[in-house]
C-alpha atoms as a PDB file:
ATOM      1  CA  MET A   1      27.342  48.080  29.290  1.00  0.00           C
ATOM      2  CA  PHE A   2      26.366  45.126  27.051  1.00  0.00           C
ATOM      3  CA  GLU A   3      26.013  41.732  28.609  1.00  0.00           C
ATOM      4  CA  PRO A   4      27.456  38.694  26.770  1.00  0.00           C
ATOM      5  CA  VAL A   5      25.135  36.666  24.542  1.00  0.00           C
ATOM      6  CA  PHE A   6      26.105  33.405  26.194  1.00  0.00           C
ATOM      7  CA  PHE A   7      24.390  32.074  29.278  1.00  0.00           C
ATOM      8  CA  TYR A   8      26.196  32.617  32.428  1.00  0.00           C
ATOM      9  CA  LEU A   9      25.573  32.043  36.143  1.00  0.00           C
ATOM     10  CA  SER A  10      26.493  34.655  38.699  1.00  0.00           C
ATOM     11  CA  THR A  11      26.337  33.742  42.339  1.00  0.00           C
ATOM     12  CA  SER A  12      26.663  36.372  45.013  1.00  0.00           C
ATOM     13  CA  SER A  13      28.311  35.002  48.094  1.00  0.00           C
ATOM     14  CA  ALA A  14      26.368  37.336  50.434  1.00  0.00           C
ATOM     15  CA  THR A  15      22.856  36.463  49.280  1.00  0.00           C
ATOM     16  CA  ARG A  16      23.395  33.147  47.432  1.00  0.00           C
ATOM     17  CA  ARG A  17      21.026  34.424  44.808  1.00  0.00           C
ATOM     18  CA  THR A  18      21.311  32.985  41.310  1.00  0.00           C
ATOM     19  CA  ASP A  19      20.748  35.055  38.195  1.00  0.00           C
ATOM     20  CA  TYR A  20      20.310  33.558  34.851  1.00  0.00           C
ATOM     21  CA  ARG A  21      20.984  35.966  32.034  1.00  0.00           C
ATOM     22  CA  THR A  22      20.372  35.308  28.372  1.00  0.00           C
ATOM     23  CA  MET A  23      20.431  37.196  25.161  1.00  0.00           C
ATOM     24  CA  PHE A  24      16.725  37.683  25.571  1.00  0.00           C
ATOM     25  CA  ASP A  25      17.082  39.595  28.852  1.00  0.00           C
ATOM     26  CA  CYS A  26      16.561  43.222  27.894  1.00  0.00           C
ATOM     27  CA  GLY A  27      15.706  44.784  31.210  1.00  0.00           C
ATOM     28  CA  ASN A  28      12.466  46.741  31.158  1.00  0.00           C
ATOM     29  CA  CYS A  29      12.162  47.193  27.392  1.00  0.00           C
ATOM     30  CA  CYS A  30       9.658  44.352  26.987  1.00  0.00           C
ATOM     31  CA  GLN A  31       7.691  44.756  30.195  1.00  0.00           C
ATOM     32  CA  ASN A  32       4.310  45.025  28.439  1.00  0.00           C
ATOM     33  CA  PHE A  33       5.007  42.163  26.071  1.00  0.00           C
ATOM     34  CA  GLU A  34       2.711  39.219  26.728  1.00  0.00           C
ATOM     35  CA  LEU A  35       2.295  36.064  24.702  1.00  0.00           C
ATOM     36  CA  GLY A  36      -1.010  35.086  26.546  1.00  0.00           C
ATOM     37  CA  GLU A  37      -4.173  34.617  24.471  1.00  0.00           C
ATOM     38  CA  ARG A  38      -2.902  36.148  21.258  1.00  0.00           C
ATOM     39  CA  PHE A  39      -0.182  33.463  20.875  1.00  0.00           C
ATOM     40  CA  ASN A  40      -2.229  30.393  20.533  1.00  0.00           C
ATOM     41  CA  ARG A  41      -2.275  27.281  18.274  1.00  0.00           C
ATOM     42  CA  ASN A  42      -3.837  29.125  15.337  1.00  0.00           C
ATOM     43  CA  THR A  43      -1.175  31.776  15.384  1.00  0.00           C
ATOM     44  CA  ILE A  44       1.648  29.392  15.569  1.00  0.00           C
ATOM     45  CA  ALA A  45       0.222  27.200  12.791  1.00  0.00           C
ATOM     46  CA  SER A  46      -0.295  30.248  10.538  1.00  0.00           C
ATOM     47  CA  ILE A  47       3.173  31.597  11.145  1.00  0.00           C
ATOM     48  CA  VAL A  48       4.847  28.207  10.545  1.00  0.00           C
ATOM     49  CA  ALA A  49       2.846  27.550   7.421  1.00  0.00           C
ATOM     50  CA  GLY A  50       3.528  31.057   6.071  1.00  0.00           C
ATOM     51  CA  VAL A  51       7.264  30.722   6.705  1.00  0.00           C
ATOM     52  CA  ILE A  52       7.395  27.344   4.958  1.00  0.00           C
ATOM     53  CA  PHE A  53       5.352  28.649   2.041  1.00  0.00           C
ATOM     54  CA  ALA A  54       7.710  31.681   1.672  1.00  0.00           C
ATOM     55  CA  ILE A  55      10.732  29.399   1.810  1.00  0.00           C
ATOM     56  CA  GLY A  56       9.303  27.338  -1.030  1.00  0.00           C
ATOM     57  CA  TRP A  57       8.766  30.324  -3.215  1.00  0.00           C
ATOM     58  CA  TRP A  58      12.130  31.746  -2.249  1.00  0.00           C
ATOM     59  CA  ILE A  59      13.821  28.499  -3.342  1.00  0.00           C
ATOM     60  CA  ILE A  60      12.311  28.702  -6.853  1.00  0.00           C
ATOM     61  CA  ILE A  61      13.215  32.419  -7.106  1.00  0.00           C
ATOM     62  CA  ASP A  62      16.766  31.609  -6.181  1.00  0.00           C
ATOM     63  CA  SER A  63      16.880  28.852  -8.817  1.00  0.00           C
ATOM     64  CA  THR A  64      15.500  31.282 -11.488  1.00  0.00           C
ATOM     65  CA  CYS A  65      18.258  33.784 -10.576  1.00  0.00           C
ATOM     66  CA  GLN A  66      21.012  31.209 -10.810  1.00  0.00           C
ATOM     67  CA  TYR A  67      19.762  29.508 -13.960  1.00  0.00           C
ATOM     68  CA  SER A  68      18.241  32.210 -16.079  1.00  0.00           C
ATOM     69  CA  THR A  69      18.441  30.578 -19.504  1.00  0.00           C
ATOM     70  CA  GLN A  70      15.488  28.716 -20.942  1.00  0.00           C
ATOM     71  CA  ALA A  71      17.693  25.628 -21.538  1.00  0.00           C
ATOM     72  CA  ASP A  72      18.636  25.361 -17.871  1.00  0.00           C
ATOM     73  CA  PHE A  73      15.283  26.186 -16.281  1.00  0.00           C
ATOM     74  CA  ASN A  74      12.106  26.120 -18.277  1.00  0.00           C
ATOM     75  CA  LYS A  75       9.813  28.901 -17.024  1.00  0.00           C
ATOM     76  CA  VAL A  76       6.696  26.869 -17.721  1.00  0.00           C
ATOM     77  CA  TYR A  77       7.408  24.919 -14.535  1.00  0.00           C
ATOM     78  CA  TYR A  78       6.243  27.955 -12.557  1.00  0.00           C
ATOM     79  CA  ILE A  79       2.728  26.618 -13.292  1.00  0.00           C
ATOM     80  CA  ILE A  80       3.230  23.701 -10.948  1.00  0.00           C
ATOM     81  CA  GLY A  81       3.943  26.024  -8.009  1.00  0.00           C
ATOM     82  CA  ALA A  82       1.036  28.217  -8.969  1.00  0.00           C
ATOM     83  CA  VAL A  83      -1.316  25.278  -8.954  1.00  0.00           C
ATOM     84  CA  GLY A  84      -0.019  24.287  -5.509  1.00  0.00           C
ATOM     85  CA  THR A  85      -0.664  27.856  -4.283  1.00  0.00           C
ATOM     86  CA  ILE A  86      -4.219  27.804  -5.678  1.00  0.00           C
ATOM     87  CA  ALA A  87      -4.728  24.441  -3.872  1.00  0.00           C
ATOM     88  CA  LEU A  88      -3.496  26.049  -0.652  1.00  0.00           C
ATOM     89  CA  ILE A  89      -6.075  28.798  -1.023  1.00  0.00           C
ATOM     90  CA  LEU A  90      -8.854  26.418  -1.883  1.00  0.00           C
ATOM     91  CA  VAL A  91      -8.117  23.929   0.908  1.00  0.00           C
ATOM     92  CA  ASN A  92      -8.108  26.642   3.518  1.00  0.00           C
ATOM     93  CA  SER A  93     -11.185  28.505   2.183  1.00  0.00           C
ATOM     94  CA  VAL A  94     -13.388  25.628   3.264  1.00  0.00           C
ATOM     95  CA  SER A  95     -13.844  25.334   7.012  1.00  0.00           C
ATOM     96  CA  ASN A  96     -14.030  21.988   8.832  1.00  0.00           C
ATOM     97  CA  ALA A  97     -17.569  23.001   9.983  1.00  0.00           C
ATOM     98  CA  GLN A  98     -18.729  23.299   6.415  1.00  0.00           C
ATOM     99  CA  VAL A  99     -17.281  19.838   5.581  1.00  0.00           C
ATOM    100  CA  ARG A 100     -18.978  18.358   8.576  1.00  0.00           C
ATOM    101  CA  GLY A 101     -22.238  20.110   7.880  1.00  0.00           C
ATOM    102  CA  ASP A 102     -22.138  22.081  11.168  1.00  0.00           C
ATOM    103  CA  ALA A 103     -21.826  25.461   9.521  1.00  0.00           C
ATOM    104  CA  TYR A 104     -23.911  28.302  10.934  1.00  0.00           C
ATOM    105  CA  GLY A 105     -26.582  29.331   8.470  1.00  0.00           C
ATOM    106  CA  ASP A 106     -27.075  28.295   4.842  1.00  0.00           C
ATOM    107  CA  SER A 107     -24.244  28.605   2.495  1.00  0.00           C
ATOM    108  CA  CYS A 108     -24.351  28.665  -1.279  1.00  0.00           C
ATOM    109  CA  VAL A 109     -22.739  25.341  -1.760  1.00  0.00           C
ATOM    110  CA  GLY A 110     -23.605  23.383   1.338  1.00  0.00           C
ATOM    111  CA  GLN A 111     -21.906  20.387   2.803  1.00  0.00           C
ATOM    112  CA  VAL A 112     -21.636  18.429  -0.511  1.00  0.00           C
ATOM    113  CA  GLY A 113     -20.174  21.495  -2.310  1.00  0.00           C
ATOM    114  CA  ALA A 114     -17.688  22.032   0.475  1.00  0.00           C
ATOM    115  CA  ARG A 115     -16.560  18.429   0.266  1.00  0.00           C
ATOM    116  CA  ILE A 116     -16.242  18.649  -3.539  1.00  0.00           C
ATOM    117  CA  ILE A 117     -14.191  21.846  -3.297  1.00  0.00           C
ATOM    118  CA  LEU A 118     -11.952  20.227  -0.661  1.00  0.00           C
ATOM    119  CA  PHE A 119     -11.563  17.062  -2.770  1.00  0.00           C
ATOM    120  CA  ILE A 120     -10.607  19.110  -5.883  1.00  0.00           C
ATOM    121  CA  ALA A 121      -8.231  21.259  -3.820  1.00  0.00           C
ATOM    122  CA  PHE A 122      -6.425  18.162  -2.436  1.00  0.00           C
ATOM    123  CA  LEU A 123      -6.269  16.748  -5.987  1.00  0.00           C
ATOM    124  CA  LEU A 124      -4.563  19.934  -7.086  1.00  0.00           C
ATOM    125  CA  ALA A 125      -2.186  19.822  -4.128  1.00  0.00           C
ATOM    126  CA  PHE A 126      -1.171  16.210  -4.669  1.00  0.00           C
ATOM    127  CA  GLY A 127      -0.991  16.843  -8.398  1.00  0.00           C
ATOM    128  CA  SER A 128       1.474  19.704  -7.930  1.00  0.00           C
ATOM    129  CA  LEU A 129       3.593  17.586  -5.576  1.00  0.00           C
ATOM    130  CA  ILE A 130       3.594  14.735  -8.136  1.00  0.00           C
ATOM    131  CA  GLY A 131       4.291  17.151 -10.930  1.00  0.00           C
ATOM    132  CA  GLY A 132       7.308  18.548  -9.115  1.00  0.00           C
ATOM    133  CA  ALA A 133       8.644  15.026  -8.567  1.00  0.00           C
ATOM    134  CA  TRP A 134       7.976  14.181 -12.211  1.00  0.00           C
ATOM    135  CA  VAL A 135      10.010  17.229 -13.381  1.00  0.00           C
ATOM    136  CA  LEU A 136      12.849  16.364 -10.982  1.00  0.00           C
ATOM    137  CA  PHE A 137      13.095  12.611 -11.806  1.00  0.00           C
ATOM    138  CA  GLY A 138      11.759  12.665 -15.354  1.00  0.00           C
ATOM    139  CA  TYR A 139      13.595  15.614 -16.789  1.00  0.00           C
ATOM    140  CA  TYR A 140      16.503  16.780 -14.610  1.00  0.00           C
ATOM    141  CA  ILE A 141      18.006  13.723 -13.048  1.00  0.00           C
ATOM    142  CA  PRO A 142      18.382  11.507 -16.218  1.00  0.00           C
ATOM    143  CA  TYR A 143      19.137  14.199 -18.779  1.00  0.00           C
ATOM    144  CA  LYS A 144      21.115  16.922 -17.038  1.00  0.00           C
ATOM    145  CA  SER A 145      24.618  16.939 -15.602  1.00  0.00           C
ATOM    146  CA  SER A 146      25.076  16.971 -11.876  1.00  0.00           C
ATOM    147  CA  ASP A 147      25.753  20.680 -11.825  1.00  0.00           C
ATOM    148  CA  LYS A 148      22.486  21.471 -13.690  1.00  0.00           C
ATOM    149  CA  ILE A 149      20.018  19.561 -11.577  1.00  0.00           C
ATOM    150  CA  TYR A 150      19.391  22.315  -8.935  1.00  0.00           C
ATOM    151  CA  PRO A 151      16.348  23.772 -10.812  1.00  0.00           C
ATOM    152  CA  GLY A 152      14.661  20.274 -10.670  1.00  0.00           C
ATOM    153  CA  ILE A 153      15.450  20.027  -6.958  1.00  0.00           C
ATOM    154  CA  ALA A 154      14.161  23.544  -6.422  1.00  0.00           C
ATOM    155  CA  ILE A 155      10.871  22.770  -8.236  1.00  0.00           C
ATOM    156  CA  PHE A 156      10.316  19.664  -6.148  1.00  0.00           C
ATOM    157  CA  CYS A 157      11.323  21.426  -2.866  1.00  0.00           C
ATOM    158  CA  GLN A 158       9.004  24.390  -3.644  1.00  0.00           C
ATOM    159  CA  ASN A 159       6.002  22.088  -4.204  1.00  0.00           C
ATOM    160  CA  LEU A 160       6.889  20.021  -1.141  1.00  0.00           C
ATOM    161  CA  ALA A 161       7.031  23.190   0.948  1.00  0.00           C
ATOM    162  CA  ILE A 162       3.716  24.446  -0.489  1.00  0.00           C
ATOM    163  CA  PHE A 163       2.099  21.050   0.286  1.00  0.00           C
ATOM    164  CA  ILE A 164       3.486  20.947   3.799  1.00  0.00           C
ATOM    165  CA  SER A 165       2.272  24.479   4.441  1.00  0.00           C
ATOM    166  CA  THR A 166      -1.150  23.572   3.095  1.00  0.00           C
ATOM    167  CA  VAL A 167      -1.464  20.582   5.488  1.00  0.00           C
ATOM    168  CA  ILE A 168      -0.154  22.655   8.445  1.00  0.00           C
ATOM    169  CA  LEU A 169      -2.559  25.514   7.755  1.00  0.00           C
ATOM    170  CA  LYS A 170      -5.536  23.180   7.347  1.00  0.00           C
ATOM    171  CA  PHE A 171      -5.015  20.716  10.208  1.00  0.00           C
ATOM    172  CA  GLY A 172      -2.744  22.760  12.512  1.00  0.00           C
ATOM    173  CA  ARG A 173      -5.485  25.236  13.388  1.00  0.00           C
ATOM    174  CA  LYS A 174      -8.517  24.704  15.517  1.00  0.00           C
ATOM    175  CA  GLU A 175     -11.877  26.240  14.858  1.00  0.00           C
ATOM    176  CA  ASP A 176     -13.433  28.355  17.531  1.00  0.00           C
ATOM    177  CA  LEU A 177     -17.118  27.473  17.314  1.00  0.00           C
ATOM    178  CA  GLY A 178     -18.190  30.145  19.827  1.00  0.00           C
ATOM    179  CA  TYR A 179     -20.151  32.873  18.056  1.00  0.00           C
END
């Protein structure tokens, strides 16, 4: 039969053995499941960044579904999130080894080019974050009623989530320099 989801402690008086059962105890169904080497810092950073990125876009999709008229939610504000997404791709396309000049082999842009790409990408990332704040505080807060400011909050939260996922994906991973 099914065991309860809650933690419980069963003590047998004959053996004085203690069993801890949780909702994750599934008997032998996960006997070959190992977290070992595959579940490292890079995997965790990628998963967390991806989830935060998806939440950001999900927030803006929700706002678009709730406020579908052009007067409530101007569709041109999608550009801010798209610029943040492009910044995420650009920031993470340049490895730390390329920025330091330790990259293996000759690349087409070199160390200076990698630094320029990274600089432009962070300009785009900060610009999208500032653009989301500008839309929220410059357009929605002063001119909309309190029940119509959710699209502005959604735009800002989307760009904040994209920026956080960019930073997590860039600095949360470590490079394996072994070839």
